PDB file of N, CA and C in Angstrom:
ATOM      1  N   MET A   1       4.994  33.011  88.124  1.00  0.00           N
ATOM      2  CA  MET A   1       5.488  34.268  87.580  1.00  0.00           C
ATOM      3  C   MET A   1       4.440  34.867  86.655  1.00  0.00           C
ATOM      4  N   ALA A   2       4.149  36.101  86.858  1.00  0.00           N
ATOM      5  CA  ALA A   2       3.157  36.757  86.022  1.00  0.00           C
ATOM      6  C   ALA A   2       3.744  37.090  84.668  1.00  0.00           C
ATOM      7  N   GLY A   3       2.976  36.831  83.622  1.00  0.00           N
ATOM      8  CA  GLY A   3       3.411  37.194  82.284  1.00  0.00           C
ATOM      9  C   GLY A   3       4.263  36.153  81.589  1.00  0.00           C
ATOM     10  N   SER A   4       4.719  35.134  82.313  1.00  0.00           N
ATOM     11  CA  SER A   4       5.518  34.110  81.655  1.00  0.00           C
ATOM     12  C   SER A   4       4.644  32.903  81.345  1.00  0.00           C
ATOM     13  N   PRO A   5       4.898  32.219  80.218  1.00  0.00           N
ATOM     14  CA  PRO A   5       4.080  31.079  79.851  1.00  0.00           C
ATOM     15  C   PRO A   5       4.238  29.943  80.845  1.00  0.00           C
ATOM     16  N   LYS A   6       3.152  29.218  81.089  1.00  0.00           N
ATOM     17  CA  LYS A   6       3.188  28.078  81.990  1.00  0.00           C
ATOM     18  C   LYS A   6       3.901  26.924  81.312  1.00  0.00           C
ATOM     19  N   ARG A   7       4.595  26.143  82.096  1.00  0.00           N
ATOM     20  CA  ARG A   7       5.222  24.939  81.573  1.00  0.00           C
ATOM     21  C   ARG A   7       4.206  23.815  81.573  1.00  0.00           C
ATOM     22  N   ASP A   8       4.205  23.053  80.514  1.00  0.00           N
ATOM     23  CA  ASP A   8       3.297  21.934  80.380  1.00  0.00           C
ATOM     24  C   ASP A   8       4.135  20.673  80.450  1.00  0.00           C
ATOM     25  N   ALA A   9       3.964  19.860  81.510  1.00  0.00           N
ATOM     26  CA  ALA A   9       4.768  18.665  81.704  1.00  0.00           C
ATOM     27  C   ALA A   9       4.594  17.673  80.563  1.00  0.00           C
ATOM     28  N   LYS A  10       3.405  17.606  79.977  1.00  0.00           N
ATOM     29  CA  LYS A  10       3.162  16.668  78.884  1.00  0.00           C
ATOM     30  C   LYS A  10       3.700  17.187  77.560  1.00  0.00           C
ATOM     31  N   ASN A  11       3.800  18.511  77.413  1.00  0.00           N
ATOM     32  CA  ASN A  11       4.258  19.116  76.161  1.00  0.00           C
ATOM     33  C   ASN A  11       5.256  20.229  76.483  1.00  0.00           C
ATOM     34  N   PRO A  12       6.537  19.871  76.698  1.00  0.00           N
ATOM     35  CA  PRO A  12       7.508  20.883  77.116  1.00  0.00           C
ATOM     36  C   PRO A  12       7.734  21.984  76.089  1.00  0.00           C
ATOM     37  N   GLY A  13       7.451  21.757  74.822  1.00  0.00           N
ATOM     38  CA  GLY A  13       7.638  22.769  73.802  1.00  0.00           C
ATOM     39  C   GLY A  13       6.482  23.750  73.710  1.00  0.00           C
ATOM     40  N   ALA A  14       5.444  23.543  74.497  1.00  0.00           N
ATOM     41  CA  ALA A  14       4.254  24.397  74.418  1.00  0.00           C
ATOM     42  C   ALA A  14       4.571  25.849  74.747  1.00  0.00           C
ATOM     43  N   ALA A  15       5.423  26.086  75.733  1.00  0.00           N
ATOM     44  CA  ALA A  15       5.764  27.461  76.111  1.00  0.00           C
ATOM     45  C   ALA A  15       6.479  28.169  74.975  1.00  0.00           C
ATOM     46  N   ALA A  16       7.382  27.469  74.305  1.00  0.00           N
ATOM     47  CA  ALA A  16       8.116  28.073  73.190  1.00  0.00           C
ATOM     48  C   ALA A  16       7.172  28.378  72.036  1.00  0.00           C
ATOM     49  N   LYS A  17       6.247  27.470  71.764  1.00  0.00           N
ATOM     50  CA  LYS A  17       5.290  27.694  70.683  1.00  0.00           C
ATOM     51  C   LYS A  17       4.385  28.873  71.005  1.00  0.00           C
ATOM     52  N   GLN A  18       3.975  28.988  72.256  1.00  0.00           N
ATOM     53  CA  GLN A  18       3.113  30.088  72.653  1.00  0.00           C
ATOM     54  C   GLN A  18       3.837  31.414  72.465  1.00  0.00           C
ATOM     55  N   GLY A  19       5.128  31.469  72.814  1.00  0.00           N
ATOM     56  CA  GLY A  19       5.904  32.696  72.648  1.00  0.00           C
ATOM     57  C   GLY A  19       6.064  33.072  71.191  1.00  0.00           C
ATOM     58  N   ALA A  20       6.097  32.080  70.294  1.00  0.00           N
ATOM     59  CA  ALA A  20       6.285  32.345  68.871  1.00  0.00           C
ATOM     60  C   ALA A  20       5.033  32.937  68.240  1.00  0.00           C
ATOM     61  N   THR A  21       3.888  32.765  68.868  1.00  0.00           N
ATOM     62  CA  THR A  21       2.647  33.263  68.283  1.00  0.00           C
ATOM     63  C   THR A  21       2.342  34.703  68.678  1.00  0.00           C
ATOM     64  N   ASP A  22       3.186  35.312  69.514  1.00  0.00           N
ATOM     65  CA  ASP A  22       2.893  36.671  69.947  1.00  0.00           C
ATOM     66  C   ASP A  22       3.383  37.726  68.946  1.00  0.00           C
ATOM     67  N   GLY A  23       3.841  37.281  67.764  1.00  0.00           N
ATOM     68  CA  GLY A  23       4.263  38.218  66.733  1.00  0.00           C
ATOM     69  C   GLY A  23       5.730  38.594  66.822  1.00  0.00           C
ATOM     70  N   HIS A  24       6.409  38.161  67.860  1.00  0.00           N
ATOM     71  CA  HIS A  24       7.829  38.469  68.024  1.00  0.00           C
ATOM     72  C   HIS A  24       8.597  37.173  67.875  1.00  0.00           C
ATOM     73  N   ASP A  25       9.209  36.977  66.709  1.00  0.00           N
ATOM     74  CA  ASP A  25       9.974  35.761  66.446  1.00  0.00           C
ATOM     75  C   ASP A  25      11.439  36.141  66.258  1.00  0.00           C
ATOM     76  N   PRO A  26      12.246  36.063  67.329  1.00  0.00           N
ATOM     77  CA  PRO A  26      13.639  36.448  67.197  1.00  0.00           C
ATOM     78  C   PRO A  26      14.426  35.515  66.288  1.00  0.00           C
ATOM     79  N   GLY A  27      13.999  34.288  66.155  1.00  0.00           N
ATOM     80  CA  GLY A  27      14.687  33.334  65.303  1.00  0.00           C
ATOM     81  C   GLY A  27      16.081  33.044  65.825  1.00  0.00           C
ATOM     82  N   PRO A  28      16.757  32.136  65.166  1.00  0.00           N
ATOM     83  CA  PRO A  28      18.110  31.814  65.610  1.00  0.00           C
ATOM     84  C   PRO A  28      19.094  32.900  65.209  1.00  0.00           C
ATOM     85  N   GLY A  29      20.208  32.936  65.888  1.00  0.00           N
ATOM     86  CA  GLY A  29      21.249  33.883  65.521  1.00  0.00           C
ATOM     87  C   GLY A  29      21.338  35.062  66.469  1.00  0.00           C
ATOM     88  N   LEU A  30      22.260  35.945  66.128  1.00  0.00           N
ATOM     89  CA  LEU A  30      22.521  37.118  66.950  1.00  0.00           C
ATOM     90  C   LEU A  30      22.147  38.390  66.213  1.00  0.00           C
ATOM     91  N   ASP A  31      21.815  39.395  66.962  1.00  0.00           N
ATOM     92  CA  ASP A  31      21.531  40.717  66.427  1.00  0.00           C
ATOM     93  C   ASP A  31      22.757  41.226  65.673  1.00  0.00           C
ATOM     94  N   ARG A  32      22.562  41.984  64.603  1.00  0.00           N
ATOM     95  CA  ARG A  32      23.683  42.476  63.786  1.00  0.00           C
ATOM     96  C   ARG A  32      24.641  43.357  64.592  1.00  0.00           C
ATOM     97  N   VAL A  33      24.128  44.094  65.540  1.00  0.00           N
ATOM     98  CA  VAL A  33      24.994  44.941  66.371  1.00  0.00           C
ATOM     99  C   VAL A  33      25.929  44.062  67.197  1.00  0.00           C
ATOM    100  N   ILE A  34      25.391  42.987  67.752  1.00  0.00           N
ATOM    101  CA  ILE A  34      26.198  42.069  68.546  1.00  0.00           C
ATOM    102  C   ILE A  34      27.214  41.368  67.652  1.00  0.00           C
ATOM    103  N   GLN A  35      26.800  40.963  66.452  1.00  0.00           N
ATOM    104  CA  GLN A  35      27.732  40.338  65.508  1.00  0.00           C
ATOM    105  C   GLN A  35      28.894  41.279  65.200  1.00  0.00           C
ATOM    106  N   ALA A  36      28.598  42.551  64.994  1.00  0.00           N
ATOM    107  CA  ALA A  36      29.634  43.541  64.691  1.00  0.00           C
ATOM    108  C   ALA A  36      30.586  43.698  65.879  1.00  0.00           C
ATOM    109  N   GLN A  37      30.042  43.707  67.083  1.00  0.00           N
ATOM    110  CA  GLN A  37      30.887  43.833  68.272  1.00  0.00           C
ATOM    111  C   GLN A  37      31.806  42.635  68.424  1.00  0.00           C
ATOM    112  N   ILE A  38      31.274  41.436  68.173  1.00  0.00           N
ATOM    113  CA  ILE A  38      32.092  40.221  68.249  1.00  0.00           C
ATOM    114  C   ILE A  38      33.192  40.276  67.194  1.00  0.00           C
ATOM    115  N   GLY A  39      32.840  40.693  65.978  1.00  0.00           N
ATOM    116  CA  GLY A  39      33.822  40.814  64.904  1.00  0.00           C
ATOM    117  C   GLY A  39      34.930  41.784  65.266  1.00  0.00           C
ATOM    118  N   ASP A  40      34.563  42.912  65.856  1.00  0.00           N
ATOM    119  CA  ASP A  40      35.570  43.906  66.272  1.00  0.00           C
ATOM    120  C   ASP A  40      36.524  43.319  67.313  1.00  0.00           C
ATOM    121  N   LYS A  41      35.978  42.602  68.276  1.00  0.00           N
ATOM    122  CA  LYS A  41      36.806  42.001  69.331  1.00  0.00           C
ATOM    123  C   LYS A  41      37.741  40.944  68.749  1.00  0.00           C
ATOM    124  N   LEU A  42      37.220  40.108  67.826  1.00  0.00           N
ATOM    125  CA  LEU A  42      38.061  39.074  67.218  1.00  0.00           C
ATOM    126  C   LEU A  42      39.177  39.689  66.382  1.00  0.00           C
ATOM    127  N   ARG A  43      38.859  40.754  65.634  1.00  0.00           N
ATOM    128  CA  ARG A  43      39.898  41.432  64.847  1.00  0.00           C
ATOM    129  C   ARG A  43      40.967  42.021  65.758  1.00  0.00           C
ATOM    130  N   ALA A  44      40.554  42.582  66.886  1.00  0.00           N
ATOM    131  CA  ALA A  44      41.518  43.151  67.827  1.00  0.00           C
ATOM    132  C   ALA A  44      42.404  42.060  68.424  1.00  0.00           C
ATOM    133  N   MET A  45      41.829  40.892  68.702  1.00  0.00           N
ATOM    134  CA  MET A  45      42.589  39.809  69.314  1.00  0.00           C
ATOM    135  C   MET A  45      43.527  39.122  68.326  1.00  0.00           C
ATOM    136  N   TYR A  46      43.058  38.913  67.079  1.00  0.00           N
ATOM    137  CA  TYR A  46      43.809  38.107  66.128  1.00  0.00           C
ATOM    138  C   TYR A  46      44.411  38.905  64.975  1.00  0.00           C
ATOM    139  N   GLY A  47      44.304  40.211  64.998  1.00  0.00           N
ATOM    140  CA  GLY A  47      44.816  41.043  63.918  1.00  0.00           C
ATOM    141  C   GLY A  47      46.295  40.843  63.666  1.00  0.00           C
ATOM    142  N   GLU A  48      47.087  40.786  64.735  1.00  0.00           N
ATOM    143  CA  GLU A  48      48.527  40.587  64.587  1.00  0.00           C
ATOM    144  C   GLU A  48      48.834  39.224  63.984  1.00  0.00           C
ATOM    145  N   LEU A  49      48.084  38.218  64.360  1.00  0.00           N
ATOM    146  CA  LEU A  49      48.314  36.873  63.861  1.00  0.00           C
ATOM    147  C   LEU A  49      48.123  36.804  62.349  1.00  0.00           C
ATOM    148  N   VAL A  50      47.131  37.497  61.841  1.00  0.00           N
ATOM    149  CA  VAL A  50      46.834  37.496  60.411  1.00  0.00           C
ATOM    150  C   VAL A  50      47.968  38.150  59.624  1.00  0.00           C
ATOM    151  N   GLU A  51      48.639  39.119  60.219  1.00  0.00           N
ATOM    152  CA  GLU A  51      49.711  39.844  59.534  1.00  0.00           C
ATOM    153  C   GLU A  51      51.039  39.082  59.505  1.00  0.00           C
ATOM    154  N   GLN A  52      51.156  38.004  60.296  1.00  0.00           N
ATOM    155  CA  GLN A  52      52.402  37.239  60.326  1.00  0.00           C
ATOM    156  C   GLN A  52      52.544  36.413  59.050  1.00  0.00           C
ATOM    157  N   PRO A  53      53.786  36.195  58.603  1.00  0.00           N
ATOM    158  CA  PRO A  53      53.999  35.404  57.391  1.00  0.00           C
ATOM    159  C   PRO A  53      53.647  33.937  57.602  1.00  0.00           C
ATOM    160  N   VAL A  54      53.269  33.276  56.517  1.00  0.00           N
ATOM    161  CA  VAL A  54      52.952  31.846  56.570  1.00  0.00           C
ATOM    162  C   VAL A  54      54.262  31.083  56.669  1.00  0.00           C
ATOM    163  N   PRO A  55      54.394  30.145  57.605  1.00  0.00           N
ATOM    164  CA  PRO A  55      55.641  29.382  57.746  1.00  0.00           C
ATOM    165  C   PRO A  55      55.965  28.601  56.470  1.00  0.00           C
ATOM    166  N   ASP A  56      57.252  28.484  56.162  1.00  0.00           N
ATOM    167  CA  ASP A  56      57.701  27.779  54.958  1.00  0.00           C
ATOM    168  C   ASP A  56      57.171  26.344  54.915  1.00  0.00           C
ATOM    169  N   ARG A  57      57.152  25.689  56.058  1.00  0.00           N
ATOM    170  CA  ARG A  57      56.675  24.299  56.110  1.00  0.00           C
ATOM    171  C   ARG A  57      55.226  24.198  55.632  1.00  0.00           C
ATOM    172  N   LEU A  58      54.392  25.129  56.062  1.00  0.00           N
ATOM    173  CA  LEU A  58      52.992  25.121  55.654  1.00  0.00           C
ATOM    174  C   LEU A  58      52.848  25.471  54.179  1.00  0.00           C
ATOM    175  N   THR A  59      53.641  26.399  53.711  1.00  0.00           N
ATOM    176  CA  THR A  59      53.619  26.758  52.292  1.00  0.00           C
ATOM    177  C   THR A  59      53.982  25.549  51.427  1.00  0.00           C
ATOM    178  N   ALA A  60      54.980  24.771  51.858  1.00  0.00           N
ATOM    179  CA  ALA A  60      55.391  23.576  51.109  1.00  0.00           C
ATOM    180  C   ALA A  60      54.256  22.553  51.066  1.00  0.00           C
ATOM    181  N   ILE A  61      53.561  22.385  52.172  1.00  0.00           N
ATOM    182  CA  ILE A  61      52.429  21.446  52.219  1.00  0.00           C
ATOM    183  C   ILE A  61      51.329  21.904  51.266  1.00  0.00           C
ATOM    184  N   LEU A  62      51.018  23.192  51.291  1.00  0.00           N
ATOM    185  CA  LEU A  62      49.981  23.728  50.404  1.00  0.00           C
ATOM    186  C   LEU A  62      50.367  23.570  48.935  1.00  0.00           C
ATOM    187  N   ASP A  63      51.653  23.773  48.625  1.00  0.00           N
ATOM    188  CA  ASP A  63      52.130  23.585  47.252  1.00  0.00           C
ATOM    189  C   ASP A  63      51.950  22.142  46.800  1.00  0.00           C
ATOM    190  N   ARG A  64      52.296  21.199  47.677  1.00  0.00           N
ATOM    191  CA  ARG A  64      52.139  19.775  47.325  1.00  0.00           C
ATOM    192  C   ARG A  64      50.671  19.426  47.119  1.00  0.00           C
ATOM    193  N   LEU A  65      49.797  19.967  47.949  1.00  0.00           N
ATOM    194  CA  LEU A  65      48.360  19.701  47.794  1.00  0.00           C
ATOM    195  C   LEU A  65      47.840  20.279  46.486  1.00  0.00           C
ATOM    196  N   SER A  66      48.278  21.484  46.142  1.00  0.00           N
ATOM    197  CA  SER A  66      47.854  22.113  44.895  1.00  0.00           C
ATOM    198  C   SER A  66      48.336  21.323  43.677  1.00  0.00           C
ATOM    199  N   ALA A  67      49.556  20.795  43.728  1.00  0.00           N
ATOM    200  CA  ALA A  67      50.106  20.007  42.634  1.00  0.00           C
ATOM    201  C   ALA A  67      49.341  18.695  42.481  1.00  0.00           C
ATOM    202  N   GLY A  68      48.851  18.148  43.563  1.00  0.00           N
ATOM    203  CA  GLY A  68      48.105  16.888  43.516  1.00  0.00           C
ATOM    204  C   GLY A  68      46.713  17.033  42.950  1.00  0.00           C
ATOM    205  N   LYS A  69      46.164  18.228  42.961  1.00  0.00           N
ATOM    206  CA  LYS A  69      44.814  18.467  42.421  1.00  0.00           C
ATOM    207  C   LYS A  69      44.741  18.161  40.936  1.00  0.00           C
ATOM    208  N   GLY A  70      45.773  18.502  40.196  1.00  0.00           N
ATOM    209  CA  GLY A  70      45.780  18.315  38.753  1.00  0.00           C
ATOM    210  C   GLY A  70      45.966  16.878  38.324  1.00  0.00           C
ATOM    211  N   SER A  71      46.232  15.973  39.266  1.00  0.00           N
ATOM    212  CA  SER A  71      46.509  14.586  38.897  1.00  0.00           C
ATOM    213  C   SER A  71      45.244  13.753  38.771  1.00  0.00           C
ATOM    214  N   GLY A  72      44.049  14.360  38.916  1.00  0.00           N
ATOM    215  CA  GLY A  72      42.790  13.656  38.709  1.00  0.00           C
ATOM    216  C   GLY A  72      42.345  12.787  39.861  1.00  0.00           C
ATOM    217  N   ARG A  73      42.786  13.110  41.062  1.00  0.00           N
ATOM    218  CA  ARG A  73      42.380  12.339  42.243  1.00  0.00           C
ATOM    219  C   ARG A  73      40.964  12.603  42.619  1.00  0.00           C
TER     220      ARG A  73
END
């Protein structure tokens, strides 16, 4: 393939290192535009769930955990 780095059987990371020296280092992670799009989709999918009340059983568990914090554990 023209323009693509050759694979080196003895040094498989050589192609990645060569790409990093061309001045374009995308680094790990996603572009901010893509992050925003993912956030929008997640809010659309789970928005209703966030608005639902917390079940009494879970509230009781959280209360017991909070009360136990002050006991010096």
